[in-house]
């Protein structure tokens, strides 16, 4: 039986990119992975999110630079997937077509997740979750420190 490689950035990155490639197959032509993350963030916020909070989410969690995050949001509003909501604060709301895309995408990702993780031991998944959460926190701290 082959020995599993030690967990390191390369192993984690390979798992991320393989999973991301599967998720990207679910997106309609012309929709980017970063756009899907922005739409999911709007959905997680109840369908309406402040523009600044959305760009912050993309720069913080996804590590996009600010111009790329702003461009992603602009692409979504131009495509009619997010709509500007009138008011005192710059709010963005999922348009019906954006909401439909998010729901279809989430269902597809749930199927992929079940296929990839469904038969793995819960204790292994919990340990991996703890380790990856700690690695993320350390990397974020290093980035913040410059």
N, C-alpha and C. Protein backbone atom coordinates (compact mmCIF):
# COMPACT_ATOMS: atom_id res chain seq x y z
N UNK A 1 0.84 -1.17 0.00
CA UNK A 1 0.00 0.00 0.00
C UNK A 1 0.89 1.24 0.00
N UNK A 2 0.56 2.21 -0.83
CA UNK A 2 1.35 3.42 -0.96
C UNK A 2 1.16 4.31 0.26
N UNK A 3 2.24 4.97 0.65
CA UNK A 3 2.17 5.91 1.77
C UNK A 3 1.65 7.24 1.28
N UNK A 4 0.73 7.81 2.02
CA UNK A 4 0.17 9.12 1.65
C UNK A 4 1.24 10.19 1.85
N UNK A 5 1.28 11.18 0.96
CA UNK A 5 2.26 12.26 1.14
C UNK A 5 1.92 13.09 2.37
N UNK A 6 2.95 13.70 2.93
CA UNK A 6 2.73 14.60 4.06
C UNK A 6 1.90 15.79 3.58
N UNK A 7 1.07 16.31 4.46
CA UNK A 7 0.27 17.48 4.13
C UNK A 7 1.17 18.69 4.06
N UNK A 8 1.10 19.38 2.94
CA UNK A 8 1.85 20.62 2.76
C UNK A 8 1.08 21.49 1.77
N UNK A 9 1.60 22.66 1.47
CA UNK A 9 0.91 23.58 0.57
C UNK A 9 0.64 22.99 -0.80
N UNK A 10 1.55 22.19 -1.31
CA UNK A 10 1.35 21.61 -2.63
C UNK A 10 0.19 20.62 -2.63
N UNK A 11 0.13 19.76 -1.62
CA UNK A 11 -0.96 18.77 -1.54
C UNK A 11 -2.30 19.49 -1.37
N UNK A 12 -2.32 20.49 -0.49
CA UNK A 12 -3.55 21.26 -0.27
C UNK A 12 -3.95 22.00 -1.55
N UNK A 13 -2.98 22.61 -2.20
CA UNK A 13 -3.25 23.33 -3.45
C UNK A 13 -3.80 22.42 -4.54
N UNK A 14 -3.23 21.23 -4.65
CA UNK A 14 -3.72 20.29 -5.67
C UNK A 14 -5.17 19.90 -5.41
N UNK A 15 -5.51 19.67 -4.14
CA UNK A 15 -6.90 19.34 -3.80
C UNK A 15 -7.81 20.52 -4.11
N UNK A 16 -7.35 21.73 -3.78
CA UNK A 16 -8.15 22.93 -4.06
C UNK A 16 -8.40 23.08 -5.56
N UNK A 17 -7.35 23.00 -6.35
CA UNK A 17 -7.53 23.24 -7.78
C UNK A 17 -8.33 22.13 -8.47
N UNK A 18 -8.18 20.89 -8.01
CA UNK A 18 -8.99 19.81 -8.59
C UNK A 18 -10.46 20.02 -8.27
N UNK A 19 -10.75 20.39 -7.01
CA UNK A 19 -12.13 20.64 -6.60
C UNK A 19 -12.69 21.87 -7.31
N UNK A 20 -11.87 22.90 -7.42
CA UNK A 20 -12.30 24.13 -8.11
C UNK A 20 -12.64 23.84 -9.57
N UNK A 21 -11.83 23.00 -10.23
CA UNK A 21 -12.10 22.66 -11.63
C UNK A 21 -13.46 21.98 -11.76
N UNK A 22 -13.80 21.11 -10.82
CA UNK A 22 -15.12 20.48 -10.84
C UNK A 22 -16.22 21.52 -10.65
N UNK A 23 -16.03 22.44 -9.70
CA UNK A 23 -17.03 23.47 -9.43
C UNK A 23 -17.20 24.41 -10.63
N UNK A 24 -16.10 24.75 -11.28
CA UNK A 24 -16.18 25.66 -12.43
C UNK A 24 -16.98 25.06 -13.59
N UNK A 25 -16.99 23.74 -13.69
CA UNK A 25 -17.79 23.08 -14.74
C UNK A 25 -19.29 23.35 -14.57
N UNK A 26 -19.69 23.71 -13.37
CA UNK A 26 -21.10 23.96 -13.07
C UNK A 26 -21.55 25.35 -13.50
N UNK A 27 -20.60 26.23 -13.75
CA UNK A 27 -20.93 27.63 -14.04
C UNK A 27 -21.33 27.82 -15.49
N UNK A 28 -22.30 28.68 -15.73
CA UNK A 28 -22.66 28.98 -17.13
C UNK A 28 -21.49 29.64 -17.84
N UNK A 29 -21.45 29.45 -19.14
CA UNK A 29 -20.41 30.06 -19.98
C UNK A 29 -20.31 31.55 -19.68
N UNK A 30 -19.09 32.02 -19.44
CA UNK A 30 -18.88 33.45 -19.21
C UNK A 30 -18.91 33.85 -17.74
N UNK A 31 -19.29 32.93 -16.85
CA UNK A 31 -19.30 33.22 -15.42
C UNK A 31 -18.00 32.69 -14.83
N UNK A 32 -17.30 33.53 -14.08
CA UNK A 32 -16.02 33.13 -13.51
C UNK A 32 -16.20 32.57 -12.10
N UNK A 33 -15.18 31.88 -11.65
CA UNK A 33 -15.18 31.33 -10.30
C UNK A 33 -15.29 32.45 -9.27
N UNK A 34 -14.55 33.54 -9.47
CA UNK A 34 -14.62 34.67 -8.53
C UNK A 34 -16.02 35.28 -8.51
N UNK A 35 -16.67 35.33 -9.64
CA UNK A 35 -18.04 35.83 -9.68
C UNK A 35 -18.96 34.91 -8.87
N UNK A 36 -18.74 33.61 -8.99
CA UNK A 36 -19.58 32.67 -8.22
C UNK A 36 -19.37 32.86 -6.73
N UNK A 37 -18.14 33.15 -6.32
CA UNK A 37 -17.88 33.39 -4.90
C UNK A 37 -18.58 34.65 -4.42
N UNK A 38 -18.59 35.68 -5.25
CA UNK A 38 -19.28 36.92 -4.89
C UNK A 38 -20.79 36.69 -4.80
N UNK A 39 -21.34 35.95 -5.74
CA UNK A 39 -22.77 35.65 -5.69
C UNK A 39 -23.12 34.83 -4.46
N UNK A 40 -22.26 33.87 -4.12
CA UNK A 40 -22.49 33.07 -2.91
C UNK A 40 -22.43 33.93 -1.66
N UNK A 41 -21.53 34.92 -1.64
CA UNK A 41 -21.44 35.82 -0.49
C UNK A 41 -22.72 36.64 -0.36
N UNK A 42 -23.24 37.11 -1.48
CA UNK A 42 -24.51 37.86 -1.44
C UNK A 42 -25.64 36.96 -0.95
N UNK A 43 -25.67 35.73 -1.42
CA UNK A 43 -26.69 34.77 -0.98
C UNK A 43 -26.57 34.51 0.52
N UNK A 44 -25.35 34.31 0.99
CA UNK A 44 -25.13 34.04 2.42
C UNK A 44 -25.56 35.21 3.29
N UNK A 45 -25.54 36.41 2.72
CA UNK A 45 -25.97 37.61 3.45
C UNK A 45 -27.47 37.84 3.34
N UNK A 46 -28.18 36.87 2.81
CA UNK A 46 -29.63 36.99 2.69
C UNK A 46 -30.09 37.58 1.37
N UNK A 47 -29.19 37.67 0.41
CA UNK A 47 -29.55 38.17 -0.92
C UNK A 47 -29.21 39.63 -1.15
N UNK A 48 -28.91 40.35 -0.07
CA UNK A 48 -28.54 41.76 -0.18
C UNK A 48 -27.29 41.99 0.66
N UNK A 49 -26.34 42.71 0.08
CA UNK A 49 -25.07 42.95 0.77
C UNK A 49 -24.54 44.33 0.40
N UNK A 50 -23.88 44.96 1.34
CA UNK A 50 -23.26 46.25 1.04
C UNK A 50 -22.11 46.02 0.08
N UNK A 51 -21.96 46.95 -0.86
CA UNK A 51 -20.90 46.83 -1.86
C UNK A 51 -19.53 46.67 -1.17
N UNK A 52 -19.27 47.49 -0.17
CA UNK A 52 -18.00 47.42 0.54
C UNK A 52 -17.77 46.09 1.23
N UNK A 53 -18.82 45.54 1.80
CA UNK A 53 -18.72 44.23 2.47
C UNK A 53 -18.41 43.13 1.46
N UNK A 54 -18.98 43.26 0.27
CA UNK A 54 -18.73 42.25 -0.76
C UNK A 54 -17.29 42.33 -1.26
N UNK A 55 -16.81 43.53 -1.54
CA UNK A 55 -15.42 43.65 -1.99
C UNK A 55 -14.46 43.24 -0.87
N UNK A 56 -14.82 43.54 0.38
CA UNK A 56 -14.00 43.11 1.52
C UNK A 56 -13.93 41.59 1.60
N UNK A 57 -15.06 40.96 1.35
CA UNK A 57 -15.09 39.49 1.37
C UNK A 57 -14.15 38.92 0.29
N UNK A 58 -14.17 39.53 -0.87
CA UNK A 58 -13.33 39.04 -1.96
C UNK A 58 -11.85 39.32 -1.72
N UNK A 59 -11.54 40.45 -1.10
CA UNK A 59 -10.13 40.75 -0.82
C UNK A 59 -9.64 39.99 0.41
N UNK A 60 -10.52 39.79 1.39
CA UNK A 60 -10.12 39.11 2.62
C UNK A 60 -10.07 37.60 2.48
N UNK A 61 -11.18 37.01 2.16
CA UNK A 61 -11.27 35.55 2.12
C UNK A 61 -10.62 34.96 0.88
N UNK A 62 -10.80 35.62 -0.26
CA UNK A 62 -10.33 35.05 -1.53
C UNK A 62 -8.96 35.58 -1.92
N UNK A 63 -8.55 36.68 -1.28
CA UNK A 63 -7.23 37.28 -1.50
C UNK A 63 -7.09 37.96 -2.86
N UNK A 64 -8.21 38.41 -3.42
CA UNK A 64 -8.14 39.22 -4.63
C UNK A 64 -7.62 40.61 -4.23
N UNK A 65 -6.92 41.27 -5.15
CA UNK A 65 -6.58 42.65 -4.84
C UNK A 65 -7.83 43.50 -5.07
N UNK A 66 -7.83 44.71 -4.51
CA UNK A 66 -9.04 45.54 -4.54
C UNK A 66 -9.54 45.82 -5.96
N UNK A 67 -8.66 46.18 -6.92
CA UNK A 67 -9.18 46.40 -8.28
C UNK A 67 -9.85 45.16 -8.88
N UNK A 68 -9.31 43.98 -8.62
CA UNK A 68 -9.92 42.75 -9.15
C UNK A 68 -11.26 42.48 -8.48
N UNK A 69 -11.35 42.74 -7.17
CA UNK A 69 -12.62 42.56 -6.46
C UNK A 69 -13.67 43.52 -7.00
N UNK A 70 -13.30 44.78 -7.17
CA UNK A 70 -14.24 45.77 -7.70
C UNK A 70 -14.66 45.44 -9.13
N UNK A 71 -13.72 44.94 -9.92
CA UNK A 71 -14.03 44.54 -11.29
C UNK A 71 -15.02 43.37 -11.30
N UNK A 72 -14.82 42.42 -10.40
CA UNK A 72 -15.72 41.27 -10.30
C UNK A 72 -17.14 41.73 -9.99
N UNK A 73 -17.28 42.64 -9.03
CA UNK A 73 -18.60 43.17 -8.66
C UNK A 73 -19.21 43.93 -9.84
N UNK A 74 -18.41 44.73 -10.52
CA UNK A 74 -18.90 45.48 -11.68
C UNK A 74 -19.37 44.54 -12.79
N UNK A 75 -18.65 43.45 -13.00
CA UNK A 75 -19.05 42.47 -14.01
C UNK A 75 -20.41 41.86 -13.67
N UNK A 76 -20.63 41.60 -12.39
CA UNK A 76 -21.90 41.00 -11.97
C UNK A 76 -23.06 41.96 -12.13
N UNK A 77 -22.84 43.24 -11.85
CA UNK A 77 -23.92 44.22 -12.05
C UNK A 77 -24.16 44.44 -13.54
N UNK A 78 -23.09 44.48 -14.33
CA UNK A 78 -23.25 44.65 -15.78
C UNK A 78 -23.99 43.47 -16.41
N UNK A 79 -23.75 42.29 -15.88
CA UNK A 79 -24.40 41.08 -16.41
C UNK A 79 -25.82 40.92 -15.89
N UNK A 80 -26.24 41.79 -14.96
CA UNK A 80 -27.59 41.69 -14.42
C UNK A 80 -27.77 40.61 -13.37
N UNK A 81 -26.67 40.08 -12.83
CA UNK A 81 -26.77 39.06 -11.80
C UNK A 81 -26.91 39.68 -10.41
N UNK A 82 -26.33 40.86 -10.24
CA UNK A 82 -26.52 41.67 -9.04
C UNK A 82 -27.12 43.00 -9.48
N UNK A 83 -28.00 43.55 -8.66
CA UNK A 83 -28.62 44.84 -8.98
C UNK A 83 -28.30 45.84 -7.87
N UNK A 84 -28.04 47.08 -8.28
CA UNK A 84 -27.87 48.17 -7.32
C UNK A 84 -29.23 48.43 -6.68
N UNK A 85 -29.24 48.57 -5.37
CA UNK A 85 -30.49 48.84 -4.67
C UNK A 85 -30.47 50.30 -4.21
N UNK A 86 -31.49 51.04 -4.57
CA UNK A 86 -31.51 52.45 -4.19
C UNK A 86 -31.56 52.63 -2.67
N UNK A 87 -30.95 53.70 -2.22
CA UNK A 87 -30.96 53.99 -0.79
C UNK A 87 -29.73 54.77 -0.39
N UNK A 88 -29.60 55.00 0.89
CA UNK A 88 -28.48 55.79 1.41
C UNK A 88 -27.16 55.03 1.36
N UNK A 89 -27.21 53.71 1.48
CA UNK A 89 -25.99 52.89 1.46
C UNK A 89 -25.88 52.17 0.12
N UNK A 90 -24.66 51.94 -0.35
CA UNK A 90 -24.48 51.22 -1.62
C UNK A 90 -24.73 49.72 -1.45
N UNK A 91 -25.97 49.31 -1.65
CA UNK A 91 -26.35 47.91 -1.49
C UNK A 91 -26.47 47.23 -2.84
N UNK A 92 -26.14 45.95 -2.83
CA UNK A 92 -26.30 45.10 -4.00
C UNK A 92 -27.24 43.97 -3.64
N UNK A 93 -28.12 43.64 -4.57
CA UNK A 93 -29.11 42.59 -4.33
C UNK A 93 -29.01 41.57 -5.45
N UNK A 94 -29.14 40.30 -5.08
CA UNK A 94 -29.19 39.26 -6.11
C UNK A 94 -30.39 39.49 -7.01
N UNK A 95 -30.15 39.59 -8.31
CA UNK A 95 -31.24 39.66 -9.28
C UNK A 95 -31.83 38.26 -9.40
N UNK A 96 -33.06 38.14 -9.89
CA UNK A 96 -33.65 36.79 -10.02
C UNK A 96 -32.75 35.81 -10.80
N UNK A 97 -32.12 36.27 -11.86
CA UNK A 97 -31.25 35.38 -12.63
C UNK A 97 -30.01 35.01 -11.81
N UNK A 98 -29.51 35.94 -10.99
CA UNK A 98 -28.39 35.65 -10.11
C UNK A 98 -28.77 34.66 -9.03
N UNK A 99 -29.96 34.82 -8.47
CA UNK A 99 -30.47 33.90 -7.46
C UNK A 99 -30.61 32.49 -8.05
N UNK A 100 -31.13 32.38 -9.25
CA UNK A 100 -31.28 31.07 -9.90
C UNK A 100 -29.92 30.43 -10.13
N UNK A 101 -28.95 31.23 -10.56
CA UNK A 101 -27.60 30.70 -10.80
C UNK A 101 -27.01 30.18 -9.48
N UNK A 102 -27.15 30.95 -8.40
CA UNK A 102 -26.61 30.54 -7.10
C UNK A 102 -27.25 29.23 -6.65
N UNK A 103 -28.56 29.11 -6.76
CA UNK A 103 -29.23 27.90 -6.28
C UNK A 103 -28.81 26.67 -7.09
N UNK A 104 -28.71 26.82 -8.40
CA UNK A 104 -28.26 25.71 -9.25
C UNK A 104 -26.83 25.32 -8.92
N UNK A 105 -25.98 26.34 -8.76
CA UNK A 105 -24.57 26.11 -8.44
C UNK A 105 -24.43 25.42 -7.08
N UNK A 106 -25.14 25.90 -6.07
CA UNK A 106 -25.07 25.31 -4.74
C UNK A 106 -25.49 23.84 -4.76
N UNK A 107 -26.51 23.52 -5.52
CA UNK A 107 -26.97 22.13 -5.61
C UNK A 107 -25.89 21.26 -6.26
N UNK A 108 -25.28 21.78 -7.31
CA UNK A 108 -24.20 21.03 -7.96
C UNK A 108 -22.99 20.85 -7.06
N UNK A 109 -22.64 21.88 -6.33
CA UNK A 109 -21.51 21.79 -5.39
C UNK A 109 -21.82 20.80 -4.28
N UNK A 110 -23.06 20.76 -3.83
CA UNK A 110 -23.46 19.79 -2.80
C UNK A 110 -23.26 18.36 -3.32
N UNK A 111 -23.60 18.12 -4.58
CA UNK A 111 -23.40 16.79 -5.16
C UNK A 111 -21.92 16.45 -5.24
N UNK A 112 -21.10 17.42 -5.66
CA UNK A 112 -19.65 17.20 -5.74
C UNK A 112 -19.09 16.92 -4.34
N UNK A 113 -19.53 17.71 -3.37
CA UNK A 113 -19.06 17.55 -2.00
C UNK A 113 -19.40 16.16 -1.47
N UNK A 114 -20.61 15.70 -1.73
CA UNK A 114 -21.02 14.37 -1.28
C UNK A 114 -20.15 13.29 -1.93
N UNK A 115 -19.86 13.45 -3.22
CA UNK A 115 -19.05 12.46 -3.91
C UNK A 115 -17.60 12.45 -3.41
N UNK A 116 -17.07 13.63 -3.10
CA UNK A 116 -15.67 13.72 -2.68
C UNK A 116 -15.46 13.37 -1.21
N UNK A 117 -16.39 13.76 -0.35
CA UNK A 117 -16.18 13.65 1.09
C UNK A 117 -17.10 12.64 1.78
N UNK A 118 -18.15 12.22 1.11
CA UNK A 118 -19.20 11.45 1.75
C UNK A 118 -18.77 10.18 2.45
N UNK A 119 -17.76 9.49 1.93
CA UNK A 119 -17.37 8.21 2.55
C UNK A 119 -16.10 8.33 3.39
N UNK A 120 -15.61 9.54 3.60
CA UNK A 120 -14.42 9.72 4.43
C UNK A 120 -14.82 9.72 5.91
N UNK A 121 -13.98 9.16 6.76
CA UNK A 121 -14.32 9.10 8.19
C UNK A 121 -14.51 10.50 8.78
N UNK A 122 -15.58 10.68 9.55
CA UNK A 122 -15.85 12.00 10.14
C UNK A 122 -14.68 12.54 10.97
N UNK A 123 -13.99 11.66 11.67
CA UNK A 123 -12.86 12.13 12.49
C UNK A 123 -11.70 12.64 11.62
N UNK A 124 -11.52 12.05 10.45
CA UNK A 124 -10.49 12.54 9.52
C UNK A 124 -10.88 13.92 8.98
N UNK A 125 -12.15 14.07 8.65
CA UNK A 125 -12.63 15.36 8.15
C UNK A 125 -12.51 16.44 9.23
N UNK A 126 -12.83 16.08 10.46
CA UNK A 126 -12.72 17.05 11.56
C UNK A 126 -11.27 17.46 11.77
N UNK A 127 -10.36 16.50 11.74
CA UNK A 127 -8.93 16.81 11.91
C UNK A 127 -8.43 17.68 10.77
N UNK A 128 -8.81 17.34 9.54
CA UNK A 128 -8.39 18.15 8.39
C UNK A 128 -8.94 19.56 8.50
N UNK A 129 -10.18 19.69 8.94
CA UNK A 129 -10.79 21.01 9.12
C UNK A 129 -10.04 21.85 10.15
N UNK A 130 -9.68 21.22 11.25
CA UNK A 130 -8.93 21.94 12.30
C UNK A 130 -7.56 22.40 11.78
N UNK A 131 -6.85 21.51 11.11
CA UNK A 131 -5.52 21.84 10.59
C UNK A 131 -5.61 22.95 9.55
N UNK A 132 -6.52 22.82 8.61
CA UNK A 132 -6.62 23.83 7.54
C UNK A 132 -7.09 25.17 8.08
N UNK A 133 -7.96 25.18 9.08
CA UNK A 133 -8.38 26.43 9.70
C UNK A 133 -7.19 27.11 10.37
N UNK A 134 -6.36 26.35 11.04
CA UNK A 134 -5.17 26.91 11.69
C UNK A 134 -4.17 27.41 10.66
N UNK A 135 -3.94 26.66 9.60
CA UNK A 135 -3.01 27.10 8.54
C UNK A 135 -3.51 28.40 7.92
N UNK A 136 -4.81 28.49 7.68
CA UNK A 136 -5.39 29.72 7.11
C UNK A 136 -5.18 30.89 8.05
N UNK A 137 -5.43 30.70 9.34
CA UNK A 137 -5.24 31.78 10.32
C UNK A 137 -3.79 32.23 10.36
N UNK A 138 -2.87 31.30 10.31
CA UNK A 138 -1.45 31.66 10.32
C UNK A 138 -1.05 32.42 9.05
N UNK A 139 -1.52 31.93 7.92
CA UNK A 139 -1.20 32.62 6.66
C UNK A 139 -1.80 34.02 6.64
N UNK A 140 -3.04 34.16 7.12
CA UNK A 140 -3.67 35.49 7.19
C UNK A 140 -2.85 36.42 8.10
N UNK A 141 -2.37 35.90 9.22
CA UNK A 141 -1.56 36.71 10.13
C UNK A 141 -0.26 37.14 9.46
N UNK A 142 0.36 36.24 8.72
CA UNK A 142 1.60 36.58 8.01
C UNK A 142 1.34 37.64 6.94
N UNK A 143 0.23 37.49 6.24
CA UNK A 143 -0.12 38.50 5.23
C UNK A 143 -0.37 39.85 5.87
N UNK A 144 -1.06 39.87 6.99
CA UNK A 144 -1.37 41.12 7.68
C UNK A 144 -0.10 41.79 8.21
N UNK A 145 0.88 40.98 8.59
CA UNK A 145 2.13 41.52 9.13
C UNK A 145 3.02 42.10 8.02
N UNK A 146 2.70 41.74 6.79
CA UNK A 146 3.49 42.27 5.66
C UNK A 146 4.61 41.37 5.36
